[in-house]
């Protein structure tokens, strides 16, 4: 037997129902402020059934799902994929000092744009 449904498609983090049934991410102690894009949730609904609350979600590209961003001078760990000496790709983490951050670095990571 099928159930009734009322499916909505939020267009982004500012749309109605974008954060339904999504809890705020706790601050883990290494980042300073809630993400300006996802407002601390780290993700939002791209499709949600308002009857059964089944949903599909998108991870925030600004904070990479952490919900928090760095505003101070602490180094930030940015994930990347590099080719290992053995020839296969592997995940690595780069620590970037705050004073070396450019506008391009802030597009996909947990850093706020540098003050000019």
C-alpha atoms as a PDB file:
ATOM      1  CA  UNK A   1       0.000   0.000   0.000  1.00  0.00           C
ATOM      2  CA  UNK A   2       1.430   3.362  -0.962  1.00  0.00           C
ATOM      3  CA  UNK A   3       1.403   6.253   1.433  1.00  0.00           C
ATOM      4  CA  UNK A   4       0.395   9.839   0.787  1.00  0.00           C
ATOM      5  CA  UNK A   5       3.176  12.234  -0.027  1.00  0.00           C
ATOM      6  CA  UNK A   6       3.826  15.921  -0.358  1.00  0.00           C
ATOM      7  CA  UNK A   7       7.259  16.251  -1.967  1.00  0.00           C
ATOM      8  CA  UNK A   8       8.905  19.670  -2.135  1.00  0.00           C
ATOM      9  CA  UNK A   9      12.193  20.600  -3.796  1.00  0.00           C
ATOM     10  CA  UNK A  10      14.059  23.341  -1.897  1.00  0.00           C
ATOM     11  CA  UNK A  11      16.246  25.255  -4.339  1.00  0.00           C
ATOM     12  CA  UNK A  12      19.002  26.025  -1.837  1.00  0.00           C
ATOM     13  CA  UNK A  13      19.773  26.839   1.772  1.00  0.00           C
ATOM     14  CA  UNK A  14      17.489  29.892   1.833  1.00  0.00           C
ATOM     15  CA  UNK A  15      14.402  28.022   0.570  1.00  0.00           C
ATOM     16  CA  UNK A  16      11.520  26.932   2.823  1.00  0.00           C
ATOM     17  CA  UNK A  17      11.941  23.393   4.234  1.00  0.00           C
ATOM     18  CA  UNK A  18      15.671  23.372   3.378  1.00  0.00           C
ATOM     19  CA  UNK A  19      16.615  22.558   6.981  1.00  0.00           C
ATOM     20  CA  UNK A  20      13.603  20.495   8.072  1.00  0.00           C
ATOM     21  CA  UNK A  21      14.687  17.569  10.315  1.00  0.00           C
ATOM     22  CA  UNK A  22      18.368  18.545  10.061  1.00  0.00           C
ATOM     23  CA  UNK A  23      20.085  19.282  13.393  1.00  0.00           C
ATOM     24  CA  UNK A  24      22.633  22.072  13.810  1.00  0.00           C
ATOM     25  CA  UNK A  25      26.210  20.802  13.753  1.00  0.00           C
ATOM     26  CA  UNK A  26      27.992  21.147  17.101  1.00  0.00           C
ATOM     27  CA  UNK A  27      31.119  23.254  17.210  1.00  0.00           C
ATOM     28  CA  UNK A  28      34.033  20.864  17.512  1.00  0.00           C
ATOM     29  CA  UNK A  29      36.422  23.428  18.952  1.00  0.00           C
ATOM     30  CA  UNK A  30      38.617  24.048  15.914  1.00  0.00           C
ATOM     31  CA  UNK A  31      36.379  26.388  13.903  1.00  0.00           C
ATOM     32  CA  UNK A  32      35.069  29.789  14.981  1.00  0.00           C
ATOM     33  CA  UNK A  33      31.764  30.789  13.375  1.00  0.00           C
ATOM     34  CA  UNK A  34      28.715  29.223  11.795  1.00  0.00           C
ATOM     35  CA  UNK A  35      28.978  28.893   8.027  1.00  0.00           C
ATOM     36  CA  UNK A  36      27.402  31.878   6.238  1.00  0.00           C
ATOM     37  CA  UNK A  37      25.897  29.611   3.560  1.00  0.00           C
ATOM     38  CA  UNK A  38      24.296  26.748   5.534  1.00  0.00           C
ATOM     39  CA  UNK A  39      23.940  28.662   8.842  1.00  0.00           C
ATOM     40  CA  UNK A  40      25.575  25.881  10.871  1.00  0.00           C
ATOM     41  CA  UNK A  41      23.692  22.883   9.462  1.00  0.00           C
ATOM     42  CA  UNK A  42      26.404  21.638   7.077  1.00  0.00           C
ATOM     43  CA  UNK A  43      23.807  20.397   4.591  1.00  0.00           C
ATOM     44  CA  UNK A  44      20.291  21.088   3.357  1.00  0.00           C
ATOM     45  CA  UNK A  45      17.416  19.214   1.774  1.00  0.00           C
ATOM     46  CA  UNK A  46      17.203  19.185  -2.001  1.00  0.00           C
ATOM     47  CA  UNK A  47      14.081  17.013  -1.896  1.00  0.00           C
ATOM     48  CA  UNK A  48      11.864  16.244   1.088  1.00  0.00           C
ATOM     49  CA  UNK A  49       8.547  14.464   1.530  1.00  0.00           C
ATOM     50  CA  UNK A  50       6.623  16.465   4.126  1.00  0.00           C
ATOM     51  CA  UNK A  51       4.530  13.409   5.028  1.00  0.00           C
ATOM     52  CA  UNK A  52       7.155  10.687   5.550  1.00  0.00           C
ATOM     53  CA  UNK A  53      10.159  13.075   5.931  1.00  0.00           C
ATOM     54  CA  UNK A  54      12.276  11.035   3.522  1.00  0.00           C
ATOM     55  CA  UNK A  55      14.766  13.353   1.943  1.00  0.00           C
ATOM     56  CA  UNK A  56      17.759  13.879  -0.304  1.00  0.00           C
ATOM     57  CA  UNK A  57      20.429  16.286   0.887  1.00  0.00           C
ATOM     58  CA  UNK A  58      23.275  18.379  -0.494  1.00  0.00           C
ATOM     59  CA  UNK A  59      26.483  18.953   1.472  1.00  0.00           C
ATOM     60  CA  UNK A  60      27.429  22.611   1.848  1.00  0.00           C
ATOM     61  CA  UNK A  61      30.321  23.383  -0.526  1.00  0.00           C
ATOM     62  CA  UNK A  62      31.453  26.312   1.642  1.00  0.00           C
ATOM     63  CA  UNK A  63      32.133  24.469   4.910  1.00  0.00           C
ATOM     64  CA  UNK A  64      32.375  20.939   3.449  1.00  0.00           C
ATOM     65  CA  UNK A  65      29.611  19.759   5.772  1.00  0.00           C
ATOM     66  CA  UNK A  66      31.205  20.960   9.021  1.00  0.00           C
ATOM     67  CA  UNK A  67      28.659  23.733   9.581  1.00  0.00           C
ATOM     68  CA  UNK A  68      31.422  25.984  10.960  1.00  0.00           C
ATOM     69  CA  UNK A  69      34.195  28.096   9.395  1.00  0.00           C
ATOM     70  CA  UNK A  70      37.474  29.627  10.584  1.00  0.00           C
ATOM     71  CA  UNK A  71      37.575  33.391  11.141  1.00  0.00           C
ATOM     72  CA  UNK A  72      40.841  33.785  13.068  1.00  0.00           C
ATOM     73  CA  UNK A  73      44.477  33.115  12.326  1.00  0.00           C
ATOM     74  CA  UNK A  74      44.512  29.368  13.032  1.00  0.00           C
ATOM     75  CA  UNK A  75      45.766  27.140  10.199  1.00  0.00           C
ATOM     76  CA  UNK A  76      43.012  25.257   8.420  1.00  0.00           C
ATOM     77  CA  UNK A  77      43.124  21.710   7.097  1.00  0.00           C
ATOM     78  CA  UNK A  78      41.906  21.479   3.508  1.00  0.00           C
ATOM     79  CA  UNK A  79      41.256  18.082   1.913  1.00  0.00           C
ATOM     80  CA  UNK A  80      42.776  17.262  -1.460  1.00  0.00           C
ATOM     81  CA  UNK A  81      43.476  14.272  -3.700  1.00  0.00           C
ATOM     82  CA  UNK A  82      47.040  13.619  -4.822  1.00  0.00           C
ATOM     83  CA  UNK A  83      48.718  10.873  -6.777  1.00  0.00           C
ATOM     84  CA  UNK A  84      50.673   8.545  -4.469  1.00  0.00           C
ATOM     85  CA  UNK A  85      54.199   7.433  -5.463  1.00  0.00           C
ATOM     86  CA  UNK A  86      52.700   3.999  -6.128  1.00  0.00           C
ATOM     87  CA  UNK A  87      50.453   5.546  -8.821  1.00  0.00           C
ATOM     88  CA  UNK A  88      47.028   5.546  -7.166  1.00  0.00           C
ATOM     89  CA  UNK A  89      45.059   8.575  -5.929  1.00  0.00           C
ATOM     90  CA  UNK A  90      44.840   9.168  -2.180  1.00  0.00           C
ATOM     91  CA  UNK A  91      43.242  11.710   0.144  1.00  0.00           C
ATOM     92  CA  UNK A  92      45.650  14.124   1.826  1.00  0.00           C
ATOM     93  CA  UNK A  93      45.197  17.092   4.127  1.00  0.00           C
ATOM     94  CA  UNK A  94      47.006  20.399   3.698  1.00  0.00           C
ATOM     95  CA  UNK A  95      47.262  22.915   6.552  1.00  0.00           C
ATOM     96  CA  UNK A  96      46.978  26.434   5.155  1.00  0.00           C
ATOM     97  CA  UNK A  97      48.075  29.430   7.285  1.00  0.00           C
ATOM     98  CA  UNK A  98      45.504  32.222   7.416  1.00  0.00           C
ATOM     99  CA  UNK A  99      47.827  34.841   5.874  1.00  0.00           C
ATOM    100  CA  UNK A 100      48.351  32.672   2.760  1.00  0.00           C
ATOM    101  CA  UNK A 101      44.638  32.309   1.978  1.00  0.00           C
ATOM    102  CA  UNK A 102      43.347  33.671  -1.317  1.00  0.00           C
ATOM    103  CA  UNK A 103      39.775  34.205  -2.494  1.00  0.00           C
ATOM    104  CA  UNK A 104      40.019  30.969  -4.540  1.00  0.00           C
ATOM    105  CA  UNK A 105      40.853  28.995  -1.369  1.00  0.00           C
ATOM    106  CA  UNK A 106      37.665  30.135   0.347  1.00  0.00           C
ATOM    107  CA  UNK A 107      35.363  28.792  -2.369  1.00  0.00           C
ATOM    108  CA  UNK A 108      35.489  25.182  -1.242  1.00  0.00           C
ATOM    109  CA  UNK A 109      36.705  25.087   2.302  1.00  0.00           C
ATOM    110  CA  UNK A 110      36.229  26.133   5.874  1.00  0.00           C
ATOM    111  CA  UNK A 111      37.781  29.592   5.588  1.00  0.00           C
ATOM    112  CA  UNK A 112      36.121  32.984   5.471  1.00  0.00           C
ATOM    113  CA  UNK A 113      37.362  35.381   2.810  1.00  0.00           C
ATOM    114  CA  UNK A 114      40.437  37.309   3.963  1.00  0.00           C
ATOM    115  CA  UNK A 115      40.093  40.952   4.984  1.00  0.00           C
ATOM    116  CA  UNK A 116      41.515  43.275   2.359  1.00  0.00           C
END
